[in-house]
PDB file of N, CA and C in Angstrom:
ATOM      1  N   UNK A   1      16.359 -23.851 -50.305  1.00  0.00           N
ATOM      2  CA  UNK A   1      15.254 -22.903 -50.249  1.00  0.00           C
ATOM      3  C   UNK A   1      14.560 -22.922 -48.883  1.00  0.00           C
ATOM      4  N   UNK A   2      14.261 -24.124 -48.395  1.00  0.00           N
ATOM      5  CA  UNK A   2      13.587 -24.247 -47.099  1.00  0.00           C
ATOM      6  C   UNK A   2      14.503 -23.758 -45.981  1.00  0.00           C
ATOM      7  N   UNK A   3      15.806 -24.037 -46.124  1.00  0.00           N
ATOM      8  CA  UNK A   3      16.759 -23.596 -45.115  1.00  0.00           C
ATOM      9  C   UNK A   3      16.789 -22.061 -45.027  1.00  0.00           C
ATOM     10  N   UNK A   4      16.769 -21.371 -46.153  1.00  0.00           N
ATOM     11  CA  UNK A   4      16.766 -19.908 -46.176  1.00  0.00           C
ATOM     12  C   UNK A   4      15.477 -19.362 -45.580  1.00  0.00           C
ATOM     13  N   UNK A   5      14.361 -20.038 -45.857  1.00  0.00           N
ATOM     14  CA  UNK A   5      13.078 -19.613 -45.312  1.00  0.00           C
ATOM     15  C   UNK A   5      13.062 -19.752 -43.786  1.00  0.00           C
ATOM     16  N   UNK A   6      13.605 -20.847 -43.285  1.00  0.00           N
ATOM     17  CA  UNK A   6      13.672 -21.061 -41.838  1.00  0.00           C
ATOM     18  C   UNK A   6      14.581 -20.022 -41.169  1.00  0.00           C
ATOM     19  N   UNK A   7      15.697 -19.714 -41.799  1.00  0.00           N
ATOM     20  CA  UNK A   7      16.595 -18.698 -41.261  1.00  0.00           C
ATOM     21  C   UNK A   7      15.891 -17.336 -41.238  1.00  0.00           C
ATOM     22  N   UNK A   8      15.179 -17.012 -42.299  1.00  0.00           N
ATOM     23  CA  UNK A   8      14.447 -15.743 -42.368  1.00  0.00           C
ATOM     24  C   UNK A   8      13.374 -15.681 -41.285  1.00  0.00           C
ATOM     25  N   UNK A   9      12.651 -16.769 -41.069  1.00  0.00           N
ATOM     26  CA  UNK A   9      11.623 -16.816 -40.028  1.00  0.00           C
ATOM     27  C   UNK A   9      12.237 -16.674 -38.636  1.00  0.00           C
ATOM     28  N   UNK A  10      13.390 -17.290 -38.426  1.00  0.00           N
ATOM     29  CA  UNK A  10      14.079 -17.155 -37.133  1.00  0.00           C
ATOM     30  C   UNK A  10      14.503 -15.707 -36.896  1.00  0.00           C
ATOM     31  N   UNK A  11      15.015 -15.057 -37.919  1.00  0.00           N
ATOM     32  CA  UNK A  11      15.435 -13.663 -37.784  1.00  0.00           C
ATOM     33  C   UNK A  11      14.230 -12.776 -37.489  1.00  0.00           C
ATOM     34  N   UNK A  12      13.131 -12.999 -38.198  1.00  0.00           N
ATOM     35  CA  UNK A  12      11.912 -12.227 -37.950  1.00  0.00           C
ATOM     36  C   UNK A  12      11.414 -12.464 -36.523  1.00  0.00           C
ATOM     37  N   UNK A  13      11.458 -13.704 -36.083  1.00  0.00           N
ATOM     38  CA  UNK A  13      11.042 -14.035 -34.718  1.00  0.00           C
ATOM     39  C   UNK A  13      11.903 -13.329 -33.678  1.00  0.00           C
ATOM     40  N   UNK A  14      13.202 -13.289 -33.901  1.00  0.00           N
ATOM     41  CA  UNK A  14      14.102 -12.592 -32.976  1.00  0.00           C
ATOM     42  C   UNK A  14      13.846 -11.088 -32.961  1.00  0.00           C
ATOM     43  N   UNK A  15      13.580 -10.533 -34.140  1.00  0.00           N
ATOM     44  CA  UNK A  15      13.303  -9.100 -34.229  1.00  0.00           C
ATOM     45  C   UNK A  15      12.032  -8.753 -33.454  1.00  0.00           C
ATOM     46  N   UNK A  16      11.060  -9.622 -33.495  1.00  0.00           N
ATOM     47  CA  UNK A  16       9.803  -9.391 -32.768  1.00  0.00           C
ATOM     48  C   UNK A  16       9.976  -9.662 -31.275  1.00  0.00           C
ATOM     49  N   UNK A  17      10.694 -10.730 -30.929  1.00  0.00           N
ATOM     50  CA  UNK A  17      10.811 -11.147 -29.528  1.00  0.00           C
ATOM     51  C   UNK A  17      11.737 -10.243 -28.715  1.00  0.00           C
ATOM     52  N   UNK A  18      12.767  -9.705 -29.323  1.00  0.00           N
ATOM     53  CA  UNK A  18      13.757  -8.928 -28.580  1.00  0.00           C
ATOM     54  C   UNK A  18      13.148  -7.730 -27.844  1.00  0.00           C
ATOM     55  N   UNK A  19      12.354  -6.872 -28.487  1.00  0.00           N
ATOM     56  CA  UNK A  19      11.782  -5.749 -27.732  1.00  0.00           C
ATOM     57  C   UNK A  19      10.806  -6.190 -26.648  1.00  0.00           C
ATOM     58  N   UNK A  20      10.104  -7.274 -26.875  1.00  0.00           N
ATOM     59  CA  UNK A  20       9.157  -7.769 -25.868  1.00  0.00           C
ATOM     60  C   UNK A  20       9.919  -8.247 -24.632  1.00  0.00           C
ATOM     61  N   UNK A  21      10.984  -9.002 -24.858  1.00  0.00           N
ATOM     62  CA  UNK A  21      11.808  -9.480 -23.743  1.00  0.00           C
ATOM     63  C   UNK A  21      12.446  -8.290 -23.019  1.00  0.00           C
ATOM     64  N   UNK A  22      12.936  -7.314 -23.768  1.00  0.00           N
ATOM     65  CA  UNK A  22      13.546  -6.134 -23.166  1.00  0.00           C
ATOM     66  C   UNK A  22      12.533  -5.379 -22.295  1.00  0.00           C
ATOM     67  N   UNK A  23      11.305  -5.265 -22.756  1.00  0.00           N
ATOM     68  CA  UNK A  23      10.267  -4.577 -21.996  1.00  0.00           C
ATOM     69  C   UNK A  23       9.952  -5.319 -20.699  1.00  0.00           C
ATOM     70  N   UNK A  24       9.878  -6.628 -20.750  1.00  0.00           N
ATOM     71  CA  UNK A  24       9.601  -7.426 -19.552  1.00  0.00           C
ATOM     72  C   UNK A  24      10.751  -7.283 -18.549  1.00  0.00           C
ATOM     73  N   UNK A  25      11.979  -7.352 -19.046  1.00  0.00           N
ATOM     74  CA  UNK A  25      13.144  -7.202 -18.163  1.00  0.00           C
ATOM     75  C   UNK A  25      13.158  -5.814 -17.528  1.00  0.00           C
ATOM     76  N   UNK A  26      12.865  -4.771 -18.327  1.00  0.00           N
ATOM     77  CA  UNK A  26      12.815  -3.412 -17.790  1.00  0.00           C
ATOM     78  C   UNK A  26      11.731  -3.289 -16.721  1.00  0.00           C
ATOM     79  N   UNK A  27      10.574  -3.864 -16.978  1.00  0.00           N
ATOM     80  CA  UNK A  27       9.452  -3.811 -16.027  1.00  0.00           C
ATOM     81  C   UNK A  27       9.868  -4.407 -14.685  1.00  0.00           C
ATOM     82  N   UNK A  28      10.497  -5.538 -14.727  1.00  0.00           N
ATOM     83  CA  UNK A  28      10.938  -6.194 -13.491  1.00  0.00           C
ATOM     84  C   UNK A  28      11.975  -5.334 -12.774  1.00  0.00           C
ATOM     85  N   UNK A  29      12.947  -4.823 -13.514  1.00  0.00           N
ATOM     86  CA  UNK A  29      13.980  -3.974 -12.926  1.00  0.00           C
ATOM     87  C   UNK A  29      13.384  -2.711 -12.305  1.00  0.00           C
ATOM     88  N   UNK A  30      12.532  -2.020 -13.041  1.00  0.00           N
ATOM     89  CA  UNK A  30      11.957  -0.764 -12.562  1.00  0.00           C
ATOM     90  C   UNK A  30      11.079  -0.982 -11.335  1.00  0.00           C
ATOM     91  N   UNK A  31      10.296  -2.056 -11.322  1.00  0.00           N
ATOM     92  CA  UNK A  31       9.447  -2.354 -10.167  1.00  0.00           C
ATOM     93  C   UNK A  31      10.292  -2.633  -8.926  1.00  0.00           C
ATOM     94  N   UNK A  32      11.354  -3.414  -9.097  1.00  0.00           N
ATOM     95  CA  UNK A  32      12.233  -3.709  -7.960  1.00  0.00           C
ATOM     96  C   UNK A  32      12.928  -2.457  -7.455  1.00  0.00           C
ATOM     97  N   UNK A  33      13.376  -1.609  -8.373  1.00  0.00           N
ATOM     98  CA  UNK A  33      14.046  -0.368  -7.979  1.00  0.00           C
ATOM     99  C   UNK A  33      13.087   0.548  -7.221  1.00  0.00           C
ATOM    100  N   UNK A  34      11.851   0.690  -7.700  1.00  0.00           N
ATOM    101  CA  UNK A  34      10.859   1.533  -7.023  1.00  0.00           C
ATOM    102  C   UNK A  34      10.537   0.981  -5.636  1.00  0.00           C
ATOM    103  N   UNK A  35      10.414  -0.323  -5.519  1.00  0.00           N
ATOM    104  CA  UNK A  35      10.131  -0.936  -4.210  1.00  0.00           C
ATOM    105  C   UNK A  35      11.259  -0.669  -3.226  1.00  0.00           C
ATOM    106  N   UNK A  36      12.493  -0.765  -3.706  1.00  0.00           N
ATOM    107  CA  UNK A  36      13.646  -0.543  -2.837  1.00  0.00           C
ATOM    108  C   UNK A  36      13.711   0.905  -2.359  1.00  0.00           C
ATOM    109  N   UNK A  37      13.514   1.847  -3.278  1.00  0.00           N
ATOM    110  CA  UNK A  37      13.588   3.266  -2.913  1.00  0.00           C
ATOM    111  C   UNK A  37      12.445   3.642  -1.962  1.00  0.00           C
ATOM    112  N   UNK A  38      11.248   3.146  -2.235  1.00  0.00           N
ATOM    113  CA  UNK A  38      10.105   3.433  -1.350  1.00  0.00           C
ATOM    114  C   UNK A  38      10.328   2.836   0.036  1.00  0.00           C
ATOM    115  N   UNK A  39      10.853   1.618   0.073  1.00  0.00           N
ATOM    116  CA  UNK A  39      11.124   0.967   1.352  1.00  0.00           C
ATOM    117  C   UNK A  39      12.182   1.740   2.135  1.00  0.00           C
ATOM    118  N   UNK A  40      13.226   2.175   1.458  1.00  0.00           N
ATOM    119  CA  UNK A  40      14.265   2.978   2.116  1.00  0.00           C
ATOM    120  C   UNK A  40      13.684   4.285   2.656  1.00  0.00           C
ATOM    121  N   UNK A  41      12.851   4.933   1.849  1.00  0.00           N
ATOM    122  CA  UNK A  41      12.250   6.203   2.282  1.00  0.00           C
ATOM    123  C   UNK A  41      11.402   5.987   3.526  1.00  0.00           C
ATOM    124  N   UNK A  42      10.579   4.949   3.517  1.00  0.00           N
ATOM    125  CA  UNK A  42       9.711   4.677   4.668  1.00  0.00           C
ATOM    126  C   UNK A  42      10.534   4.343   5.918  1.00  0.00           C
ATOM    127  N   UNK A  43      11.596   3.567   5.744  1.00  0.00           N
ATOM    128  CA  UNK A  43      12.425   3.200   6.894  1.00  0.00           C
ATOM    129  C   UNK A  43      13.121   4.403   7.508  1.00  0.00           C
ATOM    130  N   UNK A  44      13.376   5.432   6.711  1.00  0.00           N
ATOM    131  CA  UNK A  44      14.035   6.630   7.213  1.00  0.00           C
ATOM    132  C   UNK A  44      13.045   7.632   7.805  1.00  0.00           C
ATOM    133  N   UNK A  45      11.784   7.211   7.958  1.00  0.00           N
ATOM    134  CA  UNK A  45      10.753   8.085   8.520  1.00  0.00           C
ATOM    135  C   UNK A  45      10.273   7.481   9.838  1.00  0.00           C
ATOM    136  N   UNK A  46      10.903   7.842  10.957  1.00  0.00           N
ATOM    137  CA  UNK A  46      10.541   7.239  12.239  1.00  0.00           C
ATOM    138  C   UNK A  46       9.198   7.757  12.768  1.00  0.00           C
ATOM    139  N   UNK A  47       8.506   6.884  13.467  1.00  0.00           N
ATOM    140  CA  UNK A  47       7.261   7.280  14.120  1.00  0.00           C
ATOM    141  C   UNK A  47       7.557   8.371  15.137  1.00  0.00           C
ATOM    142  N   UNK A  48       6.675   9.357  15.228  1.00  0.00           N
ATOM    143  CA  UNK A  48       6.833  10.451  16.172  1.00  0.00           C
ATOM    144  C   UNK A  48       7.636  11.621  15.636  1.00  0.00           C
ATOM    145  N   UNK A  49       8.261  11.437  14.463  1.00  0.00           N
ATOM    146  CA  UNK A  49       9.047  12.542  13.896  1.00  0.00           C
ATOM    147  C   UNK A  49       8.124  13.570  13.257  1.00  0.00           C
ATOM    148  N   UNK A  50       8.651  14.745  13.027  1.00  0.00           N
ATOM    149  CA  UNK A  50       7.896  15.831  12.405  1.00  0.00           C
ATOM    150  C   UNK A  50       7.727  15.530  10.916  1.00  0.00           C
ATOM    151  N   UNK A  51       6.529  15.683  10.384  1.00  0.00           N
ATOM    152  CA  UNK A  51       6.258  15.401   8.975  1.00  0.00           C
ATOM    153  C   UNK A  51       7.054  16.329   8.055  1.00  0.00           C
ATOM    154  N   UNK A  52       7.425  17.499   8.541  1.00  0.00           N
ATOM    155  CA  UNK A  52       8.199  18.444   7.724  1.00  0.00           C
ATOM    156  C   UNK A  52       9.529  17.841   7.290  1.00  0.00           C
ATOM    157  N   UNK A  53      10.104  16.969   8.116  1.00  0.00           N
ATOM    158  CA  UNK A  53      11.363  16.310   7.745  1.00  0.00           C
ATOM    159  C   UNK A  53      11.157  15.377   6.553  1.00  0.00           C
ATOM    160  N   UNK A  54      10.063  14.631   6.554  1.00  0.00           N
ATOM    161  CA  UNK A  54       9.767  13.731   5.432  1.00  0.00           C
ATOM    162  C   UNK A  54       9.445  14.530   4.173  1.00  0.00           C
ATOM    163  N   UNK A  55       8.724  15.622   4.326  1.00  0.00           N
ATOM    164  CA  UNK A  55       8.391  16.475   3.179  1.00  0.00           C
ATOM    165  C   UNK A  55       9.672  17.039   2.569  1.00  0.00           C
ATOM    166  N   UNK A  56      10.574  17.526   3.415  1.00  0.00           N
ATOM    167  CA  UNK A  56      11.834  18.088   2.921  1.00  0.00           C
ATOM    168  C   UNK A  56      12.666  17.018   2.216  1.00  0.00           C
ATOM    169  N   UNK A  57      12.713  15.806   2.784  1.00  0.00           N
ATOM    170  CA  UNK A  57      13.444  14.703   2.148  1.00  0.00           C
ATOM    171  C   UNK A  57      12.834  14.328   0.813  1.00  0.00           C
ATOM    172  N   UNK A  58      11.505  14.358   0.747  1.00  0.00           N
ATOM    173  CA  UNK A  58      10.815  13.946  -0.482  1.00  0.00           C
ATOM    174  C   UNK A  58      11.059  14.924  -1.624  1.00  0.00           C
ATOM    175  N   UNK A  59      11.293  16.174  -1.300  1.00  0.00           N
ATOM    176  CA  UNK A  59      11.500  17.184  -2.337  1.00  0.00           C
ATOM    177  C   UNK A  59      12.889  17.087  -2.973  1.00  0.00           C
ATOM    178  N   UNK A  60      13.775  16.307  -2.379  1.00  0.00           N
ATOM    179  CA  UNK A  60      15.135  16.178  -2.892  1.00  0.00           C
ATOM    180  C   UNK A  60      15.306  15.030  -3.886  1.00  0.00           C
ATOM    181  N   UNK A  61      14.308  14.178  -4.032  1.00  0.00           N
ATOM    182  CA  UNK A  61      14.422  13.038  -4.943  1.00  0.00           C
ATOM    183  C   UNK A  61      13.302  13.067  -5.969  1.00  0.00           C
ATOM    184  N   UNK A  62      13.542  12.385  -7.092  1.00  0.00           N
ATOM    185  CA  UNK A  62      12.549  12.384  -8.168  1.00  0.00           C
ATOM    186  C   UNK A  62      11.399  11.435  -7.835  1.00  0.00           C
ATOM    187  N   UNK A  63      10.214  11.956  -7.774  1.00  0.00           N
ATOM    188  CA  UNK A  63       8.999  11.187  -7.511  1.00  0.00           C
ATOM    189  C   UNK A  63       7.808  12.133  -7.562  1.00  0.00           C
ATOM    190  N   UNK A  64       6.643  11.577  -7.405  1.00  0.00           N
ATOM    191  CA  UNK A  64       5.446  12.400  -7.262  1.00  0.00           C
ATOM    192  C   UNK A  64       5.066  12.365  -5.783  1.00  0.00           C
ATOM    193  N   UNK A  65       4.671  13.469  -5.216  1.00  0.00           N
ATOM    194  CA  UNK A  65       4.236  13.434  -3.819  1.00  0.00           C
ATOM    195  C   UNK A  65       3.123  14.453  -3.592  1.00  0.00           C
ATOM    196  N   UNK A  66       2.325  14.171  -2.616  1.00  0.00           N
ATOM    197  CA  UNK A  66       1.294  15.123  -2.227  1.00  0.00           C
ATOM    198  C   UNK A  66       0.801  14.807  -0.819  1.00  0.00           C
ATOM    199  N   UNK A  67       0.314  15.816  -0.158  1.00  0.00           N
ATOM    200  CA  UNK A  67      -0.219  15.673   1.191  1.00  0.00           C
ATOM    201  C   UNK A  67      -1.736  15.625   1.107  1.00  0.00           C
ATOM    202  N   UNK A  68      -2.324  14.577   1.613  1.00  0.00           N
ATOM    203  CA  UNK A  68      -3.782  14.436   1.619  1.00  0.00           C
ATOM    204  C   UNK A  68      -4.299  14.853   2.995  1.00  0.00           C
ATOM    205  N   UNK A  69      -4.599  16.121   3.155  1.00  0.00           N
ATOM    206  CA  UNK A  69      -5.013  16.644   4.454  1.00  0.00           C
ATOM    207  C   UNK A  69      -6.292  16.013   4.979  1.00  0.00           C
ATOM    208  N   UNK A  70      -7.257  15.756   4.091  1.00  0.00           N
ATOM    209  CA  UNK A  70      -8.535  15.228   4.564  1.00  0.00           C
ATOM    210  C   UNK A  70      -8.414  13.807   5.097  1.00  0.00           C
ATOM    211  N   UNK A  71      -7.382  13.079   4.693  1.00  0.00           N
ATOM    212  CA  UNK A  71      -7.190  11.714   5.188  1.00  0.00           C
ATOM    213  C   UNK A  71      -6.049  11.650   6.197  1.00  0.00           C
ATOM    214  N   UNK A  72      -5.380  12.756   6.435  1.00  0.00           N
ATOM    215  CA  UNK A  72      -4.265  12.778   7.366  1.00  0.00           C
ATOM    216  C   UNK A  72      -3.123  11.900   6.907  1.00  0.00           C
ATOM    217  N   UNK A  73      -2.826  11.950   5.617  1.00  0.00           N
ATOM    218  CA  UNK A  73      -1.807  11.059   5.079  1.00  0.00           C
ATOM    219  C   UNK A  73      -0.936  11.783   4.058  1.00  0.00           C
ATOM    220  N   UNK A  74       0.364  11.570   4.147  1.00  0.00           N
ATOM    221  CA  UNK A  74       1.315  12.088   3.171  1.00  0.00           C
ATOM    222  C   UNK A  74       1.784  10.899   2.349  1.00  0.00           C
ATOM    223  N   UNK A  75       1.660  10.999   1.023  1.00  0.00           N
ATOM    224  CA  UNK A  75       2.035   9.884   0.157  1.00  0.00           C
ATOM    225  C   UNK A  75       3.195  10.280  -0.734  1.00  0.00           C
ATOM    226  N   UNK A  76       4.191   9.415  -0.801  1.00  0.00           N
ATOM    227  CA  UNK A  76       5.344   9.624  -1.668  1.00  0.00           C
ATOM    228  C   UNK A  76       5.371   8.452  -2.636  1.00  0.00           C
ATOM    229  N   UNK A  77       5.120   8.738  -3.917  1.00  0.00           N
ATOM    230  CA  UNK A  77       5.029   7.672  -4.925  1.00  0.00           C
ATOM    231  C   UNK A  77       6.310   7.603  -5.748  1.00  0.00           C
ATOM    232  N   UNK A  78       6.828   6.398  -5.907  1.00  0.00           N
ATOM    233  CA  UNK A  78       8.032   6.156  -6.692  1.00  0.00           C
ATOM    234  C   UNK A  78       7.639   5.344  -7.919  1.00  0.00           C
ATOM    235  N   UNK A  79       7.937   5.858  -9.095  1.00  0.00           N
ATOM    236  CA  UNK A  79       7.540   5.222 -10.348  1.00  0.00           C
ATOM    237  C   UNK A  79       8.312   3.931 -10.575  1.00  0.00           C
ATOM    238  N   UNK A  80       7.568   2.867 -10.848  1.00  0.00           N
ATOM    239  CA  UNK A  80       8.176   1.591 -11.208  1.00  0.00           C
ATOM    240  C   UNK A  80       8.105   1.429 -12.708  1.00  0.00           C
ATOM    241  N   UNK A  81       7.661   0.268 -13.148  1.00  0.00           N
ATOM    242  CA  UNK A  81       7.520   0.027 -14.581  1.00  0.00           C
ATOM    243  C   UNK A  81       6.298   0.741 -15.127  1.00  0.00           C
ATOM    244  N   UNK A  82       5.872   0.309 -16.280  1.00  0.00           N
ATOM    245  CA  UNK A  82       4.736   0.928 -16.946  1.00  0.00           C
ATOM    246  C   UNK A  82       3.478   0.735 -16.097  1.00  0.00           C
ATOM    247  N   UNK A  83       2.756   1.801 -15.833  1.00  0.00           N
ATOM    248  CA  UNK A  83       1.495   1.784 -15.062  1.00  0.00           C
ATOM    249  C   UNK A  83       1.667   1.172 -13.679  1.00  0.00           C
ATOM    250  N   UNK A  84       2.797   1.415 -13.039  1.00  0.00           N
ATOM    251  CA  UNK A  84       3.017   0.844 -11.717  1.00  0.00           C
ATOM    252  C   UNK A  84       3.848   1.811 -10.879  1.00  0.00           C
ATOM    253  N   UNK A  85       3.462   1.980  -9.646  1.00  0.00           N
ATOM    254  CA  UNK A  85       4.270   2.765  -8.718  1.00  0.00           C
ATOM    255  C   UNK A  85       4.190   2.122  -7.342  1.00  0.00           C
ATOM    256  N   UNK A  86       5.135   2.481  -6.509  1.00  0.00           N
ATOM    257  CA  UNK A  86       5.149   2.013  -5.129  1.00  0.00           C
ATOM    258  C   UNK A  86       5.053   3.265  -4.261  1.00  0.00           C
ATOM    259  N   UNK A  87       4.133   3.240  -3.311  1.00  0.00           N
ATOM    260  CA  UNK A  87       3.830   4.430  -2.518  1.00  0.00           C
ATOM    261  C   UNK A  87       4.212   4.204  -1.061  1.00  0.00           C
ATOM    262  N   UNK A  88       4.983   5.145  -0.526  1.00  0.00           N
ATOM    263  CA  UNK A  88       5.237   5.177   0.915  1.00  0.00           C
ATOM    264  C   UNK A  88       4.128   6.041   1.518  1.00  0.00           C
ATOM    265  N   UNK A  89       3.292   5.433   2.339  1.00  0.00           N
ATOM    266  CA  UNK A  89       2.171   6.149   2.951  1.00  0.00           C
ATOM    267  C   UNK A  89       2.524   6.483   4.391  1.00  0.00           C
ATOM    268  N   UNK A  90       2.448   7.757   4.712  1.00  0.00           N
ATOM    269  CA  UNK A  90       2.823   8.231   6.041  1.00  0.00           C
ATOM    270  C   UNK A  90       1.596   8.862   6.692  1.00  0.00           C
ATOM    271  N   UNK A  91       1.125   8.239   7.755  1.00  0.00           N
ATOM    272  CA  UNK A  91      -0.013   8.775   8.500  1.00  0.00           C
ATOM    273  C   UNK A  91       0.438   9.939   9.373  1.00  0.00           C
ATOM    274  N   UNK A  92      -0.356  10.995   9.379  1.00  0.00           N
ATOM    275  CA  UNK A  92       0.026  12.219  10.087  1.00  0.00           C
ATOM    276  C   UNK A  92      -1.096  12.644  11.034  1.00  0.00           C
ATOM    277  N   UNK A  93      -0.701  13.049  12.236  1.00  0.00           N
ATOM    278  CA  UNK A  93      -1.640  13.638  13.190  1.00  0.00           C
ATOM    279  C   UNK A  93      -0.885  14.710  13.964  1.00  0.00           C
ATOM    280  N   UNK A  94      -1.385  15.937  13.895  1.00  0.00           N
ATOM    281  CA  UNK A  94      -0.721  17.043  14.574  1.00  0.00           C
ATOM    282  C   UNK A  94       0.713  17.256  14.109  1.00  0.00           C
ATOM    283  N   UNK A  95       0.943  17.119  12.827  1.00  0.00           N
ATOM    284  CA  UNK A  95       2.265  17.281  12.205  1.00  0.00           C
ATOM    285  C   UNK A  95       3.281  16.229  12.637  1.00  0.00           C
ATOM    286  N   UNK A  96       2.839  15.168  13.277  1.00  0.00           N
ATOM    287  CA  UNK A  96       3.729  14.084  13.691  1.00  0.00           C
ATOM    288  C   UNK A  96       3.383  12.812  12.922  1.00  0.00           C
ATOM    289  N   UNK A  97       4.399  12.030  12.633  1.00  0.00           N
ATOM    290  CA  UNK A  97       4.224  10.756  11.924  1.00  0.00           C
ATOM    291  C   UNK A  97       3.651   9.737  12.905  1.00  0.00           C
ATOM    292  N   UNK A  98       2.481   9.156  12.539  1.00  0.00           N
ATOM    293  CA  UNK A  98       1.863   8.156  13.415  1.00  0.00           C
ATOM    294  C   UNK A  98       1.860   6.763  12.796  1.00  0.00           C
ATOM    295  N   UNK A  99       2.080   6.678  11.472  1.00  0.00           N
ATOM    296  CA  UNK A  99       2.168   5.361  10.836  1.00  0.00           C
ATOM    297  C   UNK A  99       2.948   5.498   9.532  1.00  0.00           C
ATOM    298  N   UNK A 100       3.580   4.394   9.144  1.00  0.00           N
ATOM    299  CA  UNK A 100       4.350   4.348   7.909  1.00  0.00           C
ATOM    300  C   UNK A 100       4.108   2.995   7.262  1.00  0.00           C
ATOM    301  N   UNK A 101       3.827   2.987   5.974  1.00  0.00           N
ATOM    302  CA  UNK A 101       3.609   1.724   5.269  1.00  0.00           C
ATOM    303  C   UNK A 101       3.812   1.869   3.777  1.00  0.00           C
ATOM    304  N   UNK A 102       3.902   0.739   3.123  1.00  0.00           N
ATOM    305  CA  UNK A 102       4.127   0.710   1.662  1.00  0.00           C
ATOM    306  C   UNK A 102       2.897   0.125   0.988  1.00  0.00           C
ATOM    307  N   UNK A 103       2.563   0.694  -0.169  1.00  0.00           N
ATOM    308  CA  UNK A 103       1.466   0.160  -0.977  1.00  0.00           C
ATOM    309  C   UNK A 103       1.927   0.111  -2.423  1.00  0.00           C
ATOM    310  N   UNK A 104       1.670  -1.005  -3.057  1.00  0.00           N
ATOM    311  CA  UNK A 104       1.955  -1.141  -4.480  1.00  0.00           C
ATOM    312  C   UNK A 104       0.721  -0.699  -5.253  1.00  0.00           C
ATOM    313  N   UNK A 105       0.913   0.183  -6.211  1.00  0.00           N
ATOM    314  CA  UNK A 105      -0.204   0.759  -6.958  1.00  0.00           C
ATOM    315  C   UNK A 105      -0.099   0.379  -8.424  1.00  0.00           C
ATOM    316  N   UNK A 106      -0.853  -0.623  -8.832  1.00  0.00           N
ATOM    317  CA  UNK A 106      -0.870  -1.042 -10.231  1.00  0.00           C
ATOM    318  C   UNK A 106      -1.932  -0.248 -10.948  1.00  0.00           C
ATOM    319  N   UNK A 107      -1.477   0.609 -11.897  1.00  0.00           N
ATOM    320  CA  UNK A 107      -2.391   1.480 -12.611  1.00  0.00           C
ATOM    321  C   UNK A 107      -3.172   0.732 -13.592  1.00  0.00           C
TER     322      UNK A 107
END
């Protein structure tokens, strides 16, 4: 009787633990993937280049992007895990790229 109860408790524990472990593994994978894609995007944006090239490149891949004119910055956000994204921030002055950097955005 006790052996069956222990087996049942182990099965229940596995049923509960499996989705939690899967979610943690997915979170780690998605965050790493977003960091890699954002880093690649930023590296392909040389200083002094025309911002239109980065805008055109950003429209070809899945992400959220917007140009913040009042701050002179173009941001390309790549979705990571739940409530997390990695943003390639591109500083713009006179339609030219003046700075490039990455920011992790934990929602």
